[in-house]
Amino acid sequence: MVRALFPGTFDPIHLGHIDIASRASRLFDEVVMAVYDKPLKSLMFSPEQRISLVQEAFKDNPKIKVTGYSGLTVDFAHKVDAQVVVRGLRVFSDFEFEFRMALANQRLAKDIETVALITAEQHTFLSSSTVREIAMLNGDVSSMVPPHVKAALHAKVINMGEQSPPNALRD
């Protein structure tokens, strides 16, 4: 059995992430979506909220499991017996970052391979920070995220009190 690990902050998960994970699930026996709990960037959603949003996105795919993690990705890969780390590439500038990360991971754990999947063309512009910014500025994110994530963004924006309820986020 080949288990792949797809790590990320997924703050929030968007259709680009879902595309990569779904395609990885066709290549590997199991994909573990690993939601990183303490990145060096500010987050909109708590680790528990992000895990829940990712779980909901893959509730109908039995080959995709969701869990949280902290620490080095390769250490977590060993913990869950993953042989592969899956990464998504959207644009050319992603390649340099992912290449350096793959080399560092290879230095730390020679037994873990990195596989990069090119995102579908319609998702090349997507990033979680773009989705968050559009949502915070009253933009329509319905073509970027599943409905349950759209609803979570709407609730978060309302709770943050930074603006009136955004029309574009309403159902």
C-alpha atoms as a PDB file:
ATOM      1  CA  MET A   1       0.000   0.000   0.000  1.00  0.00           C
ATOM      2  CA  VAL A   2       1.342   3.425  -0.918  1.00  0.00           C
ATOM      3  CA  ARG A   3       0.208   6.200   1.395  1.00  0.00           C
ATOM      4  CA  ALA A   4       0.703   9.820   0.378  1.00  0.00           C
ATOM      5  CA  LEU A   5       0.746  12.837   2.654  1.00  0.00           C
ATOM      6  CA  PHE A   6      -0.675  16.146   1.397  1.00  0.00           C
ATOM      7  CA  PRO A   7       0.366  18.738   4.000  1.00  0.00           C
ATOM      8  CA  GLY A   8      -0.788  22.327   4.200  1.00  0.00           C
ATOM      9  CA  THR A   9      -2.467  24.942   6.317  1.00  0.00           C
ATOM     10  CA  PHE A  10      -5.650  24.850   4.199  1.00  0.00           C
ATOM     11  CA  ASP A  11      -6.813  28.224   5.551  1.00  0.00           C
ATOM     12  CA  PRO A  12      -9.293  27.729   3.967  1.00  0.00           C
ATOM     13  CA  ILE A  13      -9.312  24.719   1.701  1.00  0.00           C
ATOM     14  CA  HIS A  14     -10.208  25.730  -1.859  1.00  0.00           C
ATOM     15  CA  LEU A  15     -10.985  24.021  -5.157  1.00  0.00           C
ATOM     16  CA  GLY A  16      -7.297  23.925  -6.117  1.00  0.00           C
ATOM     17  CA  HIS A  17      -6.471  21.891  -2.991  1.00  0.00           C
ATOM     18  CA  ILE A  18      -9.451  19.639  -3.637  1.00  0.00           C
ATOM     19  CA  ASP A  19      -8.339  19.089  -7.241  1.00  0.00           C
ATOM     20  CA  ILE A  20      -4.809  18.069  -6.200  1.00  0.00           C
ATOM     21  CA  ALA A  21      -6.002  15.768  -3.395  1.00  0.00           C
ATOM     22  CA  SER A  22      -8.650  14.123  -5.560  1.00  0.00           C
ATOM     23  CA  ARG A  23      -6.144  13.461  -8.330  1.00  0.00           C
ATOM     24  CA  ALA A  24      -3.601  12.150  -5.814  1.00  0.00           C
ATOM     25  CA  SER A  25      -6.257   9.743  -4.521  1.00  0.00           C
ATOM     26  CA  ARG A  26      -6.351   8.187  -7.993  1.00  0.00           C
ATOM     27  CA  LEU A  27      -2.568   7.668  -7.911  1.00  0.00           C
ATOM     28  CA  PHE A  28      -2.106   6.401  -4.358  1.00  0.00           C
ATOM     29  CA  ASP A  29      -3.906   3.886  -2.156  1.00  0.00           C
ATOM     30  CA  GLU A  30      -4.527   6.509   0.526  1.00  0.00           C
ATOM     31  CA  VAL A  31      -4.000  10.255   0.846  1.00  0.00           C
ATOM     32  CA  VAL A  32      -3.616  11.806   4.277  1.00  0.00           C
ATOM     33  CA  MET A  33      -4.601  15.459   4.267  1.00  0.00           C
ATOM     34  CA  ALA A  34      -2.375  16.835   7.029  1.00  0.00           C
ATOM     35  CA  VAL A  35      -3.549  20.185   8.371  1.00  0.00           C
ATOM     36  CA  TYR A  36      -0.568  22.022   9.841  1.00  0.00           C
ATOM     37  CA  ASP A  37      -1.376  23.672  13.153  1.00  0.00           C
ATOM     38  CA  LYS A  38       1.340  26.299  13.670  1.00  0.00           C
ATOM     39  CA  PRO A  39       2.527  27.942  10.463  1.00  0.00           C
ATOM     40  CA  LEU A  40       4.632  31.091  10.477  1.00  0.00           C
ATOM     41  CA  LYS A  41       1.733  33.102   9.088  1.00  0.00           C
ATOM     42  CA  SER A  42      -1.488  34.468  10.511  1.00  0.00           C
ATOM     43  CA  LEU A  43      -4.554  32.319  10.034  1.00  0.00           C
ATOM     44  CA  MET A  44      -8.261  32.979   9.746  1.00  0.00           C
ATOM     45  CA  PHE A  45      -9.460  29.606  11.047  1.00  0.00           C
ATOM     46  CA  SER A  46      -8.340  27.570  14.070  1.00  0.00           C
ATOM     47  CA  PRO A  47      -6.731  24.165  13.485  1.00  0.00           C
ATOM     48  CA  GLU A  48      -9.984  22.461  14.535  1.00  0.00           C
ATOM     49  CA  GLN A  49     -12.041  24.549  12.117  1.00  0.00           C
ATOM     50  CA  ARG A  50      -9.626  23.898   9.250  1.00  0.00           C
ATOM     51  CA  ILE A  51      -9.647  20.139   9.937  1.00  0.00           C
ATOM     52  CA  SER A  52     -13.450  20.159   9.957  1.00  0.00           C
ATOM     53  CA  LEU A  53     -13.630  22.074   6.655  1.00  0.00           C
ATOM     54  CA  VAL A  54     -11.183  19.653   5.012  1.00  0.00           C
ATOM     55  CA  GLN A  55     -13.058  16.626   6.390  1.00  0.00           C
ATOM     56  CA  GLU A  56     -16.319  17.936   4.969  1.00  0.00           C
ATOM     57  CA  ALA A  57     -14.697  18.475   1.563  1.00  0.00           C
ATOM     58  CA  PHE A  58     -13.672  14.807   1.351  1.00  0.00           C
ATOM     59  CA  LYS A  59     -16.484  13.089   3.231  1.00  0.00           C
ATOM     60  CA  ASP A  60     -17.416  11.119   0.098  1.00  0.00           C
ATOM     61  CA  ASN A  61     -13.879   9.983  -0.760  1.00  0.00           C
ATOM     62  CA  PRO A  62     -12.897   7.009   1.424  1.00  0.00           C
ATOM     63  CA  LYS A  63      -9.304   7.131   0.125  1.00  0.00           C
ATOM     64  CA  ILE A  64      -8.702  10.543   1.709  1.00  0.00           C
ATOM     65  CA  LYS A  65      -8.141  10.795   5.455  1.00  0.00           C
ATOM     66  CA  VAL A  66      -7.812  14.079   7.355  1.00  0.00           C
ATOM     67  CA  THR A  67      -5.749  14.828  10.432  1.00  0.00           C
ATOM     68  CA  GLY A  68      -3.901  17.669  12.088  1.00  0.00           C
ATOM     69  CA  TYR A  69      -0.185  17.751  12.718  1.00  0.00           C
ATOM     70  CA  SER A  70       2.679  19.856  14.006  1.00  0.00           C
ATOM     71  CA  GLY A  71       6.437  19.662  13.668  1.00  0.00           C
ATOM     72  CA  LEU A  72       8.439  18.615  10.643  1.00  0.00           C
ATOM     73  CA  THR A  73       6.414  17.263   7.750  1.00  0.00           C
ATOM     74  CA  VAL A  74       8.830  14.371   7.144  1.00  0.00           C
ATOM     75  CA  ASP A  75       8.595  13.349  10.798  1.00  0.00           C
ATOM     76  CA  PHE A  76       4.821  13.281  10.487  1.00  0.00           C
ATOM     77  CA  ALA A  77       5.101  11.340   7.226  1.00  0.00           C
ATOM     78  CA  HIS A  78       7.082   8.680   9.109  1.00  0.00           C
ATOM     79  CA  LYS A  79       4.518   8.696  11.922  1.00  0.00           C
ATOM     80  CA  VAL A  80       1.660   7.901   9.514  1.00  0.00           C
ATOM     81  CA  ASP A  81       3.776   5.563   7.349  1.00  0.00           C
ATOM     82  CA  ALA A  82       3.530   7.781   4.264  1.00  0.00           C
ATOM     83  CA  GLN A  83       6.073   7.114   1.542  1.00  0.00           C
ATOM     84  CA  VAL A  84       5.241  10.202  -0.539  1.00  0.00           C
ATOM     85  CA  VAL A  85       4.608  13.883   0.096  1.00  0.00           C
ATOM     86  CA  VAL A  86       2.232  15.433  -2.448  1.00  0.00           C
ATOM     87  CA  ARG A  87       2.546  19.074  -3.369  1.00  0.00           C
ATOM     88  CA  GLY A  88       0.625  21.205  -5.827  1.00  0.00           C
ATOM     89  CA  LEU A  89       2.173  23.576  -8.331  1.00  0.00           C
ATOM     90  CA  ARG A  90       0.048  26.472  -9.570  1.00  0.00           C
ATOM     91  CA  VAL A  91       2.471  28.833 -11.223  1.00  0.00           C
ATOM     92  CA  PHE A  92       6.138  28.827 -12.143  1.00  0.00           C
ATOM     93  CA  SER A  93       7.133  30.712  -8.973  1.00  0.00           C
ATOM     94  CA  ASP A  94       5.772  27.806  -6.867  1.00  0.00           C
ATOM     95  CA  PHE A  95       8.377  25.523  -8.419  1.00  0.00           C
ATOM     96  CA  GLU A  96      11.379  27.209  -6.803  1.00  0.00           C
ATOM     97  CA  PHE A  97       9.860  27.099  -3.312  1.00  0.00           C
ATOM     98  CA  GLU A  98       8.654  23.505  -3.681  1.00  0.00           C
ATOM     99  CA  PHE A  99      11.977  22.415  -5.209  1.00  0.00           C
ATOM    100  CA  ARG A 100      13.925  23.797  -2.240  1.00  0.00           C
ATOM    101  CA  MET A 101      11.467  22.251   0.216  1.00  0.00           C
ATOM    102  CA  ALA A 102      11.689  18.865  -1.517  1.00  0.00           C
ATOM    103  CA  LEU A 103      15.495  18.980  -1.360  1.00  0.00           C
ATOM    104  CA  ALA A 104      15.411  19.868   2.342  1.00  0.00           C
ATOM    105  CA  ASN A 105      12.944  17.055   3.029  1.00  0.00           C
ATOM    106  CA  GLN A 106      15.120  14.654   1.050  1.00  0.00           C
ATOM    107  CA  ARG A 107      18.098  15.630   3.198  1.00  0.00           C
ATOM    108  CA  LEU A 108      16.046  14.996   6.356  1.00  0.00           C
ATOM    109  CA  ALA A 109      14.354  11.785   5.192  1.00  0.00           C
ATOM    110  CA  LYS A 110      15.816  10.004   2.170  1.00  0.00           C
ATOM    111  CA  ASP A 111      12.997   7.435   2.237  1.00  0.00           C
ATOM    112  CA  ILE A 112      10.241  10.018   1.616  1.00  0.00           C
ATOM    113  CA  GLU A 113       9.634  11.023  -2.009  1.00  0.00           C
ATOM    114  CA  THR A 114       8.016  14.269  -3.127  1.00  0.00           C
ATOM    115  CA  VAL A 115       5.518  14.258  -5.978  1.00  0.00           C
ATOM    116  CA  ALA A 116       4.341  17.570  -7.418  1.00  0.00           C
ATOM    117  CA  LEU A 117       1.058  17.718  -9.310  1.00  0.00           C
ATOM    118  CA  ILE A 118       0.285  20.594 -11.629  1.00  0.00           C
ATOM    119  CA  THR A 119      -3.023  22.196 -10.740  1.00  0.00           C
ATOM    120  CA  ALA A 120      -5.855  22.300 -13.221  1.00  0.00           C
ATOM    121  CA  GLU A 121      -5.706  25.415 -15.376  1.00  0.00           C
ATOM    122  CA  GLN A 122      -8.872  26.940 -13.902  1.00  0.00           C
ATOM    123  CA  HIS A 123      -7.305  26.889 -10.416  1.00  0.00           C
ATOM    124  CA  THR A 124      -3.907  28.453 -11.187  1.00  0.00           C
ATOM    125  CA  PHE A 125      -4.864  31.799  -9.622  1.00  0.00           C
ATOM    126  CA  LEU A 126      -6.191  30.273  -6.404  1.00  0.00           C
ATOM    127  CA  SER A 127      -4.476  30.556  -3.062  1.00  0.00           C
ATOM    128  CA  SER A 128      -5.957  30.551   0.411  1.00  0.00           C
ATOM    129  CA  SER A 129      -4.755  34.109   0.991  1.00  0.00           C
ATOM    130  CA  THR A 130      -6.510  35.242  -2.205  1.00  0.00           C
ATOM    131  CA  VAL A 131      -9.740  33.553  -1.099  1.00  0.00           C
ATOM    132  CA  ARG A 132      -9.515  35.133   2.365  1.00  0.00           C
ATOM    133  CA  GLU A 133      -8.856  38.597   0.959  1.00  0.00           C
ATOM    134  CA  ILE A 134     -11.707  38.405  -1.543  1.00  0.00           C
ATOM    135  CA  ALA A 135     -14.088  37.224   1.185  1.00  0.00           C
ATOM    136  CA  MET A 136     -12.995  40.003   3.544  1.00  0.00           C
ATOM    137  CA  LEU A 137     -13.579  42.574   0.795  1.00  0.00           C
ATOM    138  CA  ASN A 138     -17.132  41.420   0.095  1.00  0.00           C
ATOM    139  CA  GLY A 139     -16.206  39.475  -3.034  1.00  0.00           C
ATOM    140  CA  ASP A 140     -17.885  36.369  -4.388  1.00  0.00           C
ATOM    141  CA  VAL A 141     -15.831  33.250  -3.587  1.00  0.00           C
ATOM    142  CA  SER A 142     -18.453  30.735  -4.708  1.00  0.00           C
ATOM    143  CA  SER A 143     -16.385  29.688  -7.745  1.00  0.00           C
ATOM    144  CA  MET A 144     -13.295  29.149  -5.566  1.00  0.00           C
ATOM    145  CA  VAL A 145     -14.478  27.092  -2.595  1.00  0.00           C
ATOM    146  CA  PRO A 146     -17.139  24.484  -1.810  1.00  0.00           C
ATOM    147  CA  PRO A 147     -20.427  25.788  -0.354  1.00  0.00           C
ATOM    148  CA  HIS A 148     -19.567  24.752   3.227  1.00  0.00           C
ATOM    149  CA  VAL A 149     -16.325  26.770   3.080  1.00  0.00           C
ATOM    150  CA  LYS A 150     -18.188  29.757   1.631  1.00  0.00           C
ATOM    151  CA  ALA A 151     -20.576  29.561   4.600  1.00  0.00           C
ATOM    152  CA  ALA A 152     -17.672  29.303   7.071  1.00  0.00           C
ATOM    153  CA  LEU A 153     -15.991  32.339   5.501  1.00  0.00           C
ATOM    154  CA  HIS A 154     -19.264  34.267   5.716  1.00  0.00           C
ATOM    155  CA  ALA A 155     -19.634  33.399   9.418  1.00  0.00           C
ATOM    156  CA  LYS A 156     -16.005  34.273  10.139  1.00  0.00           C
ATOM    157  CA  VAL A 157     -16.256  37.654   8.406  1.00  0.00           C
ATOM    158  CA  ILE A 158     -19.448  38.438  10.331  1.00  0.00           C
ATOM    159  CA  ASN A 159     -17.869  37.379  13.644  1.00  0.00           C
ATOM    160  CA  MET A 160     -14.755  39.434  12.988  1.00  0.00           C
ATOM    161  CA  GLY A 161     -17.016  42.474  12.729  1.00  0.00           C
ATOM    162  CA  GLU A 162     -14.778  44.124  10.160  1.00  0.00           C
ATOM    163  CA  GLN A 163     -17.650  44.805   7.786  1.00  0.00           C
ATOM    164  CA  SER A 164     -21.357  44.386   7.377  1.00  0.00           C
ATOM    165  CA  PRO A 165     -22.574  40.971   6.181  1.00  0.00           C
ATOM    166  CA  PRO A 166     -21.185  40.544   2.675  1.00  0.00           C
ATOM    167  CA  ASN A 167     -23.883  40.061   0.032  1.00  0.00           C
ATOM    168  CA  ALA A 168     -21.575  37.949  -2.124  1.00  0.00           C
ATOM    169  CA  LEU A 169     -21.206  35.382   0.670  1.00  0.00           C
ATOM    170  CA  ARG A 170     -24.924  34.984   1.290  1.00  0.00           C
ATOM    171  CA  ASP A 171     -26.713  31.925  -0.036  1.00  0.00           C
END
